[in-house]
Amino acid sequence: MNVFESQAQAQNVDKDRRQYILSFVSYISGTVILLYGLPHLMSGNVALASLLLGTSLTFLLTVAYYHRTGDIDLACKIEAVLVVGFVLALIYHGGHENTALYWIFPFPVILFGLLGVRNALIGNTLVLLAIAVMLFTPDWIHAEYRPEETTRFFASLVIMVIAAGINDFFRERSHHKMSALQLSREQQANTDPLTRLPNRRFIDASLEPRLNQTPDEFLPLGVVMCDIDHFKQLNDQFGHQAGDDVLKEVARLFRKTLRRQDVACRTGGEEFLIFLPRTELTDVHIVAEKVRAKLANTVFPIRGTPHRVTASFGTAVCHSSGELSATVEYADEQLYNAKKAGRNRVV
């Protein structure tokens, strides 16, 4: 669960960053381009006015699409294509008195913001190749740039792309390291140090909030309360180290026996809670019985002497995200009934 939460948190941060860049390009850049396009429309420069006004309009339509659908990935891809198209069209046309090259420098940074390091490197490389062809085969374009102007501009643009790529690469790397550090701290706080199973804090801090947020992933949620039989006697007879060794072996048995989607937690000295997502009561009994039988048939070498350990199990099923606490309490009552009925059984 913690892995999912950490990934979700990182994705939310990245989504916010891309949303701000998308809004900046659409609203700020779109408005600036619009303000430059209107005078050209009034002066009769239809080609340049159409390029500027059309770009401004498509920027605004893209951000409107995002606000309507919430699809940040597609909106950023559309915006990136529009930026590239605008850059190449502006270089081809030349802009007002061949000043187009002054407006090109922001585009590498914008692509990195919209697409991420890998996709932006590919996109920027392709755009650089297209620009090189346009600038160094001047007969192919409408604009007329001076040779010394094009060479210096292109060299500066390459440096800009490299610098922006290095900056975003290490920004992403730093972000991933911080996310991994946060995940490690959360795992340590939510993990029982002896058995390496999730602890009570995991249930309160991770499982229950996740159940409330996405109940369809869990419900019906099988709940199994497990308690090792006569554990105090084992501790008194063989010592606490032997008891700790048994707990670790029981945890290892849980990991081997339970299904991949199931979660076993240590909630007390010899008490465990097992959660079985999307499992009805009949199957909860089957899983619990499988664990009980496996444990009862396992030989624990304690101080060189073979020893068998059994456990009692109480079962219940949670059908609503608001019923988890009540379901755990009922499973605990069932556990008491299992012990009262003679232990080493599933109720």
Foldseek 3Di string as FASTA:
>chain_A
DLVVVLVVVLVVVLLVLLLVLLCCCQPVVLVVLQVVLVVCVVVVVVVSSCLSNVLNVVSPVLNVVCVVPVPLLVSLVSNLVSLLVSLLSCCQQCPDVNPSLVVNQCNLLSLCSSPNLPVSVVVLVVSLVSLCVCLVVVVVGDDDDDPVVSVVSSVVSVVSNVVSNVVRVVVVVVSVVVSVVVSVVVLVVQADPLQRAGEPVCCVPPVLVVCVVCVVFFPFKKKKKKFWPPLVVVCVVQNVVLSSVVQNVLSVLCVVQDDPVKGWYDYDSRMIMIIDGPDDPVVSQVSVLSSQVVQQPDWDQRPNDTDGIGMFMFMFTDHGSVCPVVRNVNRVVRSVVCVVVPGSHYD
